[in-house]
Amino acid sequence: VKADHANAHKNLAFLYDLYLDNPAKAR
């Protein structure tokens, strides 16, 4: 909906980093 939604990007980064073990997507 909003490609520049900063907090959704941060939330995804935390999700991939901490919970889904996907450092490439976290980056």
PDB file of all heavy atoms in Angstrom:
ATOM      1  N   VAL A   1       0.834  -1.199   0.000  1.00  0.00           N
ATOM      2  CA  VAL A   1       0.000   0.000   0.000  1.00  0.00           C
ATOM      3  C   VAL A   1       0.867   1.247   0.000  1.00  0.00           C
ATOM      4  O   VAL A   1       0.594   2.221  -0.703  1.00  0.00           O
ATOM      5  CB  VAL A   1      -0.934   0.007   1.227  1.00  0.00           C
ATOM      6  CG1 VAL A   1      -1.710   1.326   1.315  1.00  0.00           C
ATOM      7  CG2 VAL A   1      -1.915  -1.158   1.162  1.00  0.00           C
ATOM      8  N   LYS A   2       1.933   1.217   0.800  1.00  0.00           N
ATOM      9  CA  LYS A   2       2.793   2.394   0.945  1.00  0.00           C
ATOM     10  C   LYS A   2       4.244   1.918   0.957  1.00  0.00           C
ATOM     11  O   LYS A   2       4.769   1.495   1.986  1.00  0.00           O
ATOM     12  CB  LYS A   2       2.460   3.145   2.233  1.00  0.00           C
ATOM     13  CG  LYS A   2       3.104   4.513   2.371  1.00  0.00           C
ATOM     14  CD  LYS A   2       2.580   5.227   3.620  1.00  0.00           C
ATOM     15  CE  LYS A   2       3.035   6.680   3.673  1.00  0.00           C
ATOM     16  NZ  LYS A   2       4.501   6.830   3.776  1.00  0.00           N
ATOM     17  N   ALA A   3       4.881   1.993  -0.184  1.00  0.00           N
ATOM     18  CA  ALA A   3       6.216   1.410  -0.346  1.00  0.00           C
ATOM     19  C   ALA A   3       7.255   2.043   0.556  1.00  0.00           C
ATOM     20  O   ALA A   3       8.263   1.408   0.894  1.00  0.00           O
ATOM     21  CB  ALA A   3       6.656   1.531  -1.807  1.00  0.00           C
ATOM     22  N   ASP A   4       7.043   3.283   0.961  1.00  0.00           N
ATOM     23  CA  ASP A   4       8.013   3.968   1.811  1.00  0.00           C
ATOM     24  C   ASP A   4       7.572   3.995   3.274  1.00  0.00           C
ATOM     25  O   ASP A   4       7.942   4.885   4.026  1.00  0.00           O
ATOM     26  CB  ASP A   4       8.265   5.389   1.308  1.00  0.00           C
ATOM     27  CG  ASP A   4       7.004   6.255   1.328  1.00  0.00           C
ATOM     28  OD1 ASP A   4       5.903   5.700   1.533  1.00  0.00           O
ATOM     29  OD2 ASP A   4       7.123   7.486   1.125  1.00  0.00           O
ATOM     30  N   HIS A   5       6.801   3.005   3.685  1.00  0.00           N
ATOM     31  CA  HIS A   5       6.375   2.912   5.084  1.00  0.00           C
ATOM     32  C   HIS A   5       7.558   2.394   5.900  1.00  0.00           C
ATOM     33  O   HIS A   5       7.820   1.198   5.974  1.00  0.00           O
ATOM     34  CB  HIS A   5       5.165   1.993   5.217  1.00  0.00           C
ATOM     35  CG  HIS A   5       4.479   2.095   6.537  1.00  0.00           C
ATOM     36  ND1 HIS A   5       4.990   1.562   7.692  1.00  0.00           N
ATOM     37  CD2 HIS A   5       3.312   2.697   6.894  1.00  0.00           C
ATOM     38  CE1 HIS A   5       4.177   1.808   8.700  1.00  0.00           C
ATOM     39  NE2 HIS A   5       3.152   2.495   8.234  1.00  0.00           N
ATOM     40  N   ALA A   6       8.275   3.300   6.520  1.00  0.00           N
ATOM     41  CA  ALA A   6       9.538   2.957   7.170  1.00  0.00           C
ATOM     42  C   ALA A   6       9.374   1.912   8.259  1.00  0.00           C
ATOM     43  O   ALA A   6      10.175   0.980   8.371  1.00  0.00           O
ATOM     44  CB  ALA A   6      10.182   4.220   7.744  1.00  0.00           C
ATOM     45  N   ASN A   7       8.341   2.057   9.068  1.00  0.00           N
ATOM     46  CA  ASN A   7       8.201   1.142  10.188  1.00  0.00           C
ATOM     47  C   ASN A   7       7.831  -0.265   9.754  1.00  0.00           C
ATOM     48  O   ASN A   7       8.206  -1.236  10.398  1.00  0.00           O
ATOM     49  CB  ASN A   7       7.185   1.697  11.179  1.00  0.00           C
ATOM     50  CG  ASN A   7       7.709   2.933  11.870  1.00  0.00           C
ATOM     51  OD1 ASN A   7       8.831   2.954  12.353  1.00  0.00           O
ATOM     52  ND2 ASN A   7       6.920   3.987  11.894  1.00  0.00           N
ATOM     53  N   ALA A   8       7.097  -0.393   8.672  1.00  0.00           N
ATOM     54  CA  ALA A   8       6.814  -1.735   8.154  1.00  0.00           C
ATOM     55  C   ALA A   8       8.111  -2.392   7.672  1.00  0.00           C
ATOM     56  O   ALA A   8       8.311  -3.593   7.869  1.00  0.00           O
ATOM     57  CB  ALA A   8       5.797  -1.670   7.029  1.00  0.00           C
ATOM     58  N   HIS A   9       8.994  -1.607   7.076  1.00  0.00           N
ATOM     59  CA  HIS A   9      10.302  -2.153   6.681  1.00  0.00           C
ATOM     60  C   HIS A   9      11.104  -2.570   7.903  1.00  0.00           C
ATOM     61  O   HIS A   9      11.732  -3.636   7.916  1.00  0.00           O
ATOM     62  CB  HIS A   9      11.077  -1.122   5.858  1.00  0.00           C
ATOM     63  CG  HIS A   9      10.612  -1.001   4.442  1.00  0.00           C
ATOM     64  ND1 HIS A   9      10.833  -1.971   3.495  1.00  0.00           N
ATOM     65  CD2 HIS A   9       9.913  -0.009   3.816  1.00  0.00           C
ATOM     66  CE1 HIS A   9      10.301  -1.589   2.335  1.00  0.00           C
ATOM     67  NE2 HIS A   9       9.736  -0.405   2.510  1.00  0.00           N
ATOM     68  N   LYS A  10      11.084  -1.741   8.933  1.00  0.00           N
ATOM     69  CA  LYS A  10      11.814  -2.103  10.155  1.00  0.00           C
ATOM     70  C   LYS A  10      11.221  -3.362  10.772  1.00  0.00           C
ATOM     71  O   LYS A  10      11.949  -4.265  11.197  1.00  0.00           O
ATOM     72  CB  LYS A  10      11.777  -0.964  11.158  1.00  0.00           C
ATOM     73  CG  LYS A  10      12.567  -1.267  12.440  1.00  0.00           C
ATOM     74  CD  LYS A  10      12.212  -0.330  13.584  1.00  0.00           C
ATOM     75  CE  LYS A  10      12.902   0.988  13.471  1.00  0.00           C
ATOM     76  NZ  LYS A  10      12.691   1.839  14.681  1.00  0.00           N
ATOM     77  N   ASN A  11       9.903  -3.426  10.827  1.00  0.00           N
ATOM     78  CA  ASN A  11       9.258  -4.595  11.417  1.00  0.00           C
ATOM     79  C   ASN A  11       9.603  -5.863  10.656  1.00  0.00           C
ATOM     80  O   ASN A  11       9.844  -6.920  11.239  1.00  0.00           O
ATOM     81  CB  ASN A  11       7.746  -4.392  11.439  1.00  0.00           C
ATOM     82  CG  ASN A  11       7.323  -3.299  12.394  1.00  0.00           C
ATOM     83  OD1 ASN A  11       8.098  -2.869  13.238  1.00  0.00           O
ATOM     84  ND2 ASN A  11       6.097  -2.840  12.255  1.00  0.00           N
ATOM     85  N   LEU A  12       9.618  -5.762   9.326  1.00  0.00           N
ATOM     86  CA  LEU A  12      10.009  -6.913   8.515  1.00  0.00           C
ATOM     87  C   LEU A  12      11.462  -7.301   8.772  1.00  0.00           C
ATOM     88  O   LEU A  12      11.800  -8.489   8.861  1.00  0.00           O
ATOM     89  CB  LEU A  12       9.814  -6.597   7.034  1.00  0.00           C
ATOM     90  CG  LEU A  12       8.486  -7.015   6.417  1.00  0.00           C
ATOM     91  CD1 LEU A  12       8.360  -6.453   5.008  1.00  0.00           C
ATOM     92  CD2 LEU A  12       8.327  -8.532   6.402  1.00  0.00           C
ATOM     93  N   ALA A  13      12.312  -6.303   8.900  1.00  0.00           N
ATOM     94  CA  ALA A  13      13.720  -6.589   9.161  1.00  0.00           C
ATOM     95  C   ALA A  13      13.886  -7.342  10.473  1.00  0.00           C
ATOM     96  O   ALA A  13      14.615  -8.339  10.552  1.00  0.00           O
ATOM     97  CB  ALA A  13      14.519  -5.284   9.182  1.00  0.00           C
ATOM     98  N   PHE A  14      13.213  -6.884  11.519  1.00  0.00           N
ATOM     99  CA  PHE A  14      13.272  -7.592  12.796  1.00  0.00           C
ATOM    100  C   PHE A  14      12.702  -9.005  12.658  1.00  0.00           C
ATOM    101  O   PHE A  14      13.234  -9.962  13.224  1.00  0.00           O
ATOM    102  CB  PHE A  14      12.508  -6.833  13.873  1.00  0.00           C
ATOM    103  CG  PHE A  14      13.310  -5.774  14.565  1.00  0.00           C
ATOM    104  CD1 PHE A  14      12.965  -4.444  14.450  1.00  0.00           C
ATOM    105  CD2 PHE A  14      14.407  -6.103  15.334  1.00  0.00           C
ATOM    106  CE1 PHE A  14      13.704  -3.465  15.087  1.00  0.00           C
ATOM    107  CE2 PHE A  14      15.163  -5.128  15.978  1.00  0.00           C
ATOM    108  CZ  PHE A  14      14.802  -3.804  15.853  1.00  0.00           C
ATOM    109  N   LEU A  15      11.608  -9.125  11.925  1.00  0.00           N
ATOM    110  CA  LEU A  15      10.982 -10.432  11.761  1.00  0.00           C
ATOM    111  C   LEU A  15      11.938 -11.406  11.088  1.00  0.00           C
ATOM    112  O   LEU A  15      12.127 -12.545  11.545  1.00  0.00           O
ATOM    113  CB  LEU A  15       9.706 -10.288  10.933  1.00  0.00           C
ATOM    114  CG  LEU A  15       8.829 -11.531  10.807  1.00  0.00           C
ATOM    115  CD1 LEU A  15       8.143 -11.852  12.128  1.00  0.00           C
ATOM    116  CD2 LEU A  15       7.783 -11.335   9.705  1.00  0.00           C
ATOM    117  N   TYR A  16      12.552 -10.964   9.990  1.00  0.00           N
ATOM    118  CA  TYR A  16      13.488 -11.838   9.280  1.00  0.00           C
ATOM    119  C   TYR A  16      14.740 -12.101  10.104  1.00  0.00           C
ATOM    120  O   TYR A  16      15.291 -13.209  10.077  1.00  0.00           O
ATOM    121  CB  TYR A  16      13.863 -11.210   7.940  1.00  0.00           C
ATOM    122  CG  TYR A  16      12.758 -11.222   6.912  1.00  0.00           C
ATOM    123  CD1 TYR A  16      12.418 -10.068   6.206  1.00  0.00           C
ATOM    124  CD2 TYR A  16      12.052 -12.387   6.625  1.00  0.00           C
ATOM    125  CE1 TYR A  16      11.398 -10.074   5.254  1.00  0.00           C
ATOM    126  CE2 TYR A  16      11.042 -12.410   5.673  1.00  0.00           C
ATOM    127  CZ  TYR A  16      10.719 -11.255   5.001  1.00  0.00           C
ATOM    128  OH  TYR A  16       9.704 -11.267   4.063  1.00  0.00           O
ATOM    129  N   ASP A  17      15.200 -11.110  10.827  1.00  0.00           N
ATOM    130  CA  ASP A  17      16.428 -11.237  11.608  1.00  0.00           C
ATOM    131  C   ASP A  17      16.226 -12.126  12.826  1.00  0.00           C
ATOM    132  O   ASP A  17      16.990 -13.067  13.062  1.00  0.00           O
ATOM    133  CB  ASP A  17      16.877  -9.839  12.032  1.00  0.00           C
ATOM    134  CG  ASP A  17      18.256  -9.815  12.678  1.00  0.00           C
ATOM    135  OD1 ASP A  17      18.880 -10.880  12.834  1.00  0.00           O
ATOM    136  OD2 ASP A  17      18.704  -8.712  13.047  1.00  0.00           O
ATOM    137  N   LEU A  18      15.182 -11.841  13.605  1.00  0.00           N
ATOM    138  CA  LEU A  18      15.011 -12.481  14.901  1.00  0.00           C
ATOM    139  C   LEU A  18      14.186 -13.769  14.867  1.00  0.00           C
ATOM    140  O   LEU A  18      14.376 -14.635  15.716  1.00  0.00           O
ATOM    141  CB  LEU A  18      14.341 -11.513  15.875  1.00  0.00           C
ATOM    142  CG  LEU A  18      15.101 -10.219  16.190  1.00  0.00           C
ATOM    143  CD1 LEU A  18      14.242  -9.295  17.025  1.00  0.00           C
ATOM    144  CD2 LEU A  18      16.404 -10.526  16.896  1.00  0.00           C
ATOM    145  N   TYR A  19      13.273 -13.873  13.917  1.00  0.00           N
ATOM    146  CA  TYR A  19      12.300 -14.962  13.985  1.00  0.00           C
ATOM    147  C   TYR A  19      12.323 -15.912  12.793  1.00  0.00           C
ATOM    148  O   TYR A  19      12.020 -17.093  12.956  1.00  0.00           O
ATOM    149  CB  TYR A  19      10.882 -14.383  14.126  1.00  0.00           C
ATOM    150  CG  TYR A  19      10.730 -13.514  15.345  1.00  0.00           C
ATOM    151  CD1 TYR A  19      10.730 -12.127  15.229  1.00  0.00           C
ATOM    152  CD2 TYR A  19      10.591 -14.069  16.616  1.00  0.00           C
ATOM    153  CE1 TYR A  19      10.600 -11.315  16.354  1.00  0.00           C
ATOM    154  CE2 TYR A  19      10.463 -13.270  17.742  1.00  0.00           C
ATOM    155  CZ  TYR A  19      10.458 -11.894  17.602  1.00  0.00           C
ATOM    156  OH  TYR A  19      10.337 -11.096  18.716  1.00  0.00           O
ATOM    157  N   LEU A  20      12.640 -15.411  11.610  1.00  0.00           N
ATOM    158  CA  LEU A  20      12.572 -16.256  10.421  1.00  0.00           C
ATOM    159  C   LEU A  20      13.941 -16.662   9.885  1.00  0.00           C
ATOM    160  O   LEU A  20      14.024 -17.340   8.855  1.00  0.00           O
ATOM    161  CB  LEU A  20      11.761 -15.550   9.323  1.00  0.00           C
ATOM    162  CG  LEU A  20      10.284 -15.344   9.657  1.00  0.00           C
ATOM    163  CD1 LEU A  20       9.573 -14.604   8.520  1.00  0.00           C
ATOM    164  CD2 LEU A  20       9.584 -16.673   9.930  1.00  0.00           C
ATOM    165  N   ASP A  21      14.997 -16.235  10.545  1.00  0.00           N
ATOM    166  CA  ASP A  21      16.359 -16.655  10.197  1.00  0.00           C
ATOM    167  C   ASP A  21      16.652 -16.446   8.721  1.00  0.00           C
ATOM    168  O   ASP A  21      17.095 -17.346   8.010  1.00  0.00           O
ATOM    169  CB  ASP A  21      16.561 -18.134  10.584  1.00  0.00           C
ATOM    170  CG  ASP A  21      18.028 -18.537  10.541  1.00  0.00           C
ATOM    171  OD1 ASP A  21      18.891 -17.646  10.704  1.00  0.00           O
ATOM    172  OD2 ASP A  21      18.327 -19.736  10.346  1.00  0.00           O
ATOM    173  N   ASN A  22      16.395 -15.223   8.272  1.00  0.00           N
ATOM    174  CA  ASN A  22      16.644 -14.883   6.874  1.00  0.00           C
ATOM    175  C   ASN A  22      17.422 -13.565   6.837  1.00  0.00           C
ATOM    176  O   ASN A  22      16.854 -12.498   6.590  1.00  0.00           O
ATOM    177  CB  ASN A  22      15.319 -14.753   6.115  1.00  0.00           C
ATOM    178  CG  ASN A  22      15.524 -14.694   4.613  1.00  0.00           C
ATOM    179  OD1 ASN A  22      16.530 -14.176   4.134  1.00  0.00           O
ATOM    180  ND2 ASN A  22      14.558 -15.198   3.864  1.00  0.00           N
ATOM    181  N   PRO A  23      18.735 -13.641   7.091  1.00  0.00           N
ATOM    182  CA  PRO A  23      19.522 -12.407   7.168  1.00  0.00           C
ATOM    183  C   PRO A  23      19.563 -11.617   5.863  1.00  0.00           C
ATOM    184  O   PRO A  23      19.683 -10.393   5.893  1.00  0.00           O
ATOM    185  CB  PRO A  23      20.912 -12.888   7.570  1.00  0.00           C
ATOM    186  CG  PRO A  23      20.943 -14.342   7.241  1.00  0.00           C
ATOM    187  CD  PRO A  23      19.543 -14.832   7.393  1.00  0.00           C
ATOM    188  N   ALA A  24      19.444 -12.289   4.724  1.00  0.00           N
ATOM    189  CA  ALA A  24      19.466 -11.569   3.444  1.00  0.00           C
ATOM    190  C   ALA A  24      18.262 -10.640   3.336  1.00  0.00           C
ATOM    191  O   ALA A  24      18.395  -9.471   2.957  1.00  0.00           O
ATOM    192  CB  ALA A  24      19.497 -12.557   2.286  1.00  0.00           C
ATOM    193  N   LYS A  25      17.090 -11.149   3.673  1.00  0.00           N
ATOM    194  CA  LYS A  25      15.909 -10.298   3.631  1.00  0.00           C
ATOM    195  C   LYS A  25      15.930  -9.264   4.752  1.00  0.00           C
ATOM    196  O   LYS A  25      15.438  -8.141   4.583  1.00  0.00           O
ATOM    197  CB  LYS A  25      14.643 -11.154   3.696  1.00  0.00           C
ATOM    198  CG  LYS A  25      14.330 -11.883   2.397  1.00  0.00           C
ATOM    199  CD  LYS A  25      12.933 -12.483   2.404  1.00  0.00           C
ATOM    200  CE  LYS A  25      12.580 -13.063   1.052  1.00  0.00           C
ATOM    201  NZ  LYS A  25      11.205 -13.634   1.027  1.00  0.00           N
ATOM    202  N   ALA A  26      16.491  -9.658   5.883  1.00  0.00           N
ATOM    203  CA  ALA A  26      16.623  -8.685   6.968  1.00  0.00           C
ATOM    204  C   ALA A  26      17.469  -7.509   6.495  1.00  0.00           C
ATOM    205  O   ALA A  26      17.125  -6.337   6.737  1.00  0.00           O
ATOM    206  CB  ALA A  26      17.247  -9.343   8.196  1.00  0.00           C
ATOM    207  N   ARG A  27      18.557  -7.789   5.811  1.00  0.00           N
ATOM    208  CA  ARG A  27      19.423  -6.726   5.303  1.00  0.00           C
ATOM    209  C   ARG A  27      18.649  -5.806   4.351  1.00  0.00           C
ATOM    210  O   ARG A  27      18.756  -4.581   4.430  1.00  0.00           O
ATOM    211  CB  ARG A  27      20.631  -7.330   4.575  1.00  0.00           C
ATOM    212  CG  ARG A  27      21.535  -6.293   3.899  1.00  0.00           C
ATOM    213  CD  ARG A  27      22.750  -6.935   3.258  1.00  0.00           C
ATOM    214  NE  ARG A  27      23.625  -7.511   4.263  1.00  0.00           N
ATOM    215  CZ  ARG A  27      24.480  -6.804   4.995  1.00  0.00           C
ATOM    216  NH1 ARG A  27      24.559  -5.474   4.830  1.00  0.00           N
ATOM    217  NH2 ARG A  27      25.247  -7.406   5.876  1.00  0.00           N
TER     218      ARG A  27
END
